[in-house]
């Protein structure tokens, strides 16, 4: 339950951007991406959003900017 509250703000950011979070995969430091979020947009298209750091290591604003860059590019 604590993890749900801890990550709720990041799920809300995705929702604000029109995305639905499906899964989150966490990888060890040796990987290029630390976290990969699998999300669905409003049209039903699946997206893989690769984050360079864990979500809790960044502010919601920084998270939003990273997601916007991944989705648009």
C-alpha atoms as a PDB file:
ATOM      1  CA  UNK A   1       0.000   0.000   0.000  1.00  0.00           C
ATOM      2  CA  UNK A   2       2.848   2.405   0.801  1.00  0.00           C
ATOM      3  CA  UNK A   3       4.306   1.950  -2.692  1.00  0.00           C
ATOM      4  CA  UNK A   4       0.946   2.812  -4.236  1.00  0.00           C
ATOM      5  CA  UNK A   5       0.880   6.164  -2.443  1.00  0.00           C
ATOM      6  CA  UNK A   6       4.563   6.776  -3.122  1.00  0.00           C
ATOM      7  CA  UNK A   7       4.140   6.490  -6.901  1.00  0.00           C
ATOM      8  CA  UNK A   8       0.636   7.960  -7.185  1.00  0.00           C
ATOM      9  CA  UNK A   9       1.929  11.392  -8.208  1.00  0.00           C
ATOM     10  CA  UNK A  10       3.800   9.881 -11.179  1.00  0.00           C
ATOM     11  CA  UNK A  11       0.711   7.961 -12.288  1.00  0.00           C
ATOM     12  CA  UNK A  12      -1.249  11.239 -12.066  1.00  0.00           C
ATOM     13  CA  UNK A  13       1.329  12.992 -14.271  1.00  0.00           C
ATOM     14  CA  UNK A  14       0.906  10.266 -16.889  1.00  0.00           C
ATOM     15  CA  UNK A  15      -2.868  10.597 -16.659  1.00  0.00           C
ATOM     16  CA  UNK A  16      -2.592  14.375 -17.131  1.00  0.00           C
ATOM     17  CA  UNK A  17      -0.637  13.698 -20.335  1.00  0.00           C
ATOM     18  CA  UNK A  18      -3.360  11.341 -21.584  1.00  0.00           C
ATOM     19  CA  UNK A  19      -1.489   8.131 -20.803  1.00  0.00           C
ATOM     20  CA  UNK A  20      -2.512   5.079 -18.795  1.00  0.00           C
ATOM     21  CA  UNK A  21       0.302   3.320 -16.936  1.00  0.00           C
ATOM     22  CA  UNK A  22       0.229  -0.440 -17.483  1.00  0.00           C
ATOM     23  CA  UNK A  23       3.524  -1.741 -16.050  1.00  0.00           C
ATOM     24  CA  UNK A  24       6.815  -0.473 -14.671  1.00  0.00           C
ATOM     25  CA  UNK A  25      10.021  -2.452 -15.090  1.00  0.00           C
ATOM     26  CA  UNK A  26      13.058  -1.618 -12.956  1.00  0.00           C
ATOM     27  CA  UNK A  27      16.569  -2.495 -14.080  1.00  0.00           C
ATOM     28  CA  UNK A  28      19.923  -2.601 -12.269  1.00  0.00           C
ATOM     29  CA  UNK A  29      22.510   0.143 -12.679  1.00  0.00           C
ATOM     30  CA  UNK A  30      24.261  -1.666 -15.527  1.00  0.00           C
ATOM     31  CA  UNK A  31      21.366  -1.058 -17.908  1.00  0.00           C
ATOM     32  CA  UNK A  32      20.889   2.041 -20.097  1.00  0.00           C
ATOM     33  CA  UNK A  33      17.437   2.711 -18.664  1.00  0.00           C
ATOM     34  CA  UNK A  34      16.787   2.418 -14.940  1.00  0.00           C
ATOM     35  CA  UNK A  35      13.012   2.173 -15.379  1.00  0.00           C
ATOM     36  CA  UNK A  36      10.801   1.430 -18.350  1.00  0.00           C
ATOM     37  CA  UNK A  37       7.146   2.369 -18.122  1.00  0.00           C
ATOM     38  CA  UNK A  38       4.713   0.626 -20.413  1.00  0.00           C
ATOM     39  CA  UNK A  39       1.787   2.953 -21.080  1.00  0.00           C
ATOM     40  CA  UNK A  40      -1.165   3.291 -23.420  1.00  0.00           C
ATOM     41  CA  UNK A  41      -2.292   6.531 -25.025  1.00  0.00           C
ATOM     42  CA  UNK A  42      -5.901   7.478 -25.760  1.00  0.00           C
ATOM     43  CA  UNK A  43      -5.800   5.920 -29.227  1.00  0.00           C
ATOM     44  CA  UNK A  44      -4.732   2.578 -27.747  1.00  0.00           C
ATOM     45  CA  UNK A  45      -1.123   2.731 -28.935  1.00  0.00           C
ATOM     46  CA  UNK A  46       1.400   1.143 -26.546  1.00  0.00           C
ATOM     47  CA  UNK A  47       4.423   3.217 -25.549  1.00  0.00           C
ATOM     48  CA  UNK A  48       7.667   2.316 -23.821  1.00  0.00           C
ATOM     49  CA  UNK A  49       8.971   5.239 -21.806  1.00  0.00           C
ATOM     50  CA  UNK A  50      12.613   4.773 -20.783  1.00  0.00           C
ATOM     51  CA  UNK A  51      13.774   6.742 -17.760  1.00  0.00           C
ATOM     52  CA  UNK A  52      17.458   7.338 -16.936  1.00  0.00           C
ATOM     53  CA  UNK A  53      16.745   7.291 -13.171  1.00  0.00           C
ATOM     54  CA  UNK A  54      14.160   5.820 -10.850  1.00  0.00           C
ATOM     55  CA  UNK A  55      11.005   7.924 -10.560  1.00  0.00           C
ATOM     56  CA  UNK A  56      11.518   8.631  -6.870  1.00  0.00           C
ATOM     57  CA  UNK A  57      14.879  10.240  -7.722  1.00  0.00           C
ATOM     58  CA  UNK A  58      13.213  12.983  -9.780  1.00  0.00           C
ATOM     59  CA  UNK A  59      10.595  15.624  -9.178  1.00  0.00           C
ATOM     60  CA  UNK A  60       7.163  15.290 -10.796  1.00  0.00           C
ATOM     61  CA  UNK A  61       8.016  18.244 -13.060  1.00  0.00           C
ATOM     62  CA  UNK A  62      11.236  16.607 -14.270  1.00  0.00           C
ATOM     63  CA  UNK A  63       9.380  13.317 -14.755  1.00  0.00           C
ATOM     64  CA  UNK A  64       6.741  15.104 -16.851  1.00  0.00           C
ATOM     65  CA  UNK A  65       9.386  16.692 -19.089  1.00  0.00           C
ATOM     66  CA  UNK A  66      11.145  13.352 -19.645  1.00  0.00           C
ATOM     67  CA  UNK A  67       7.859  11.655 -20.535  1.00  0.00           C
ATOM     68  CA  UNK A  68       6.906  14.457 -22.941  1.00  0.00           C
ATOM     69  CA  UNK A  69      10.257  14.111 -24.727  1.00  0.00           C
ATOM     70  CA  UNK A  70       9.896  10.329 -24.986  1.00  0.00           C
ATOM     71  CA  UNK A  71       6.311  10.460 -26.265  1.00  0.00           C
ATOM     72  CA  UNK A  72       6.850  13.239 -28.800  1.00  0.00           C
ATOM     73  CA  UNK A  73      10.112  11.868 -30.173  1.00  0.00           C
END
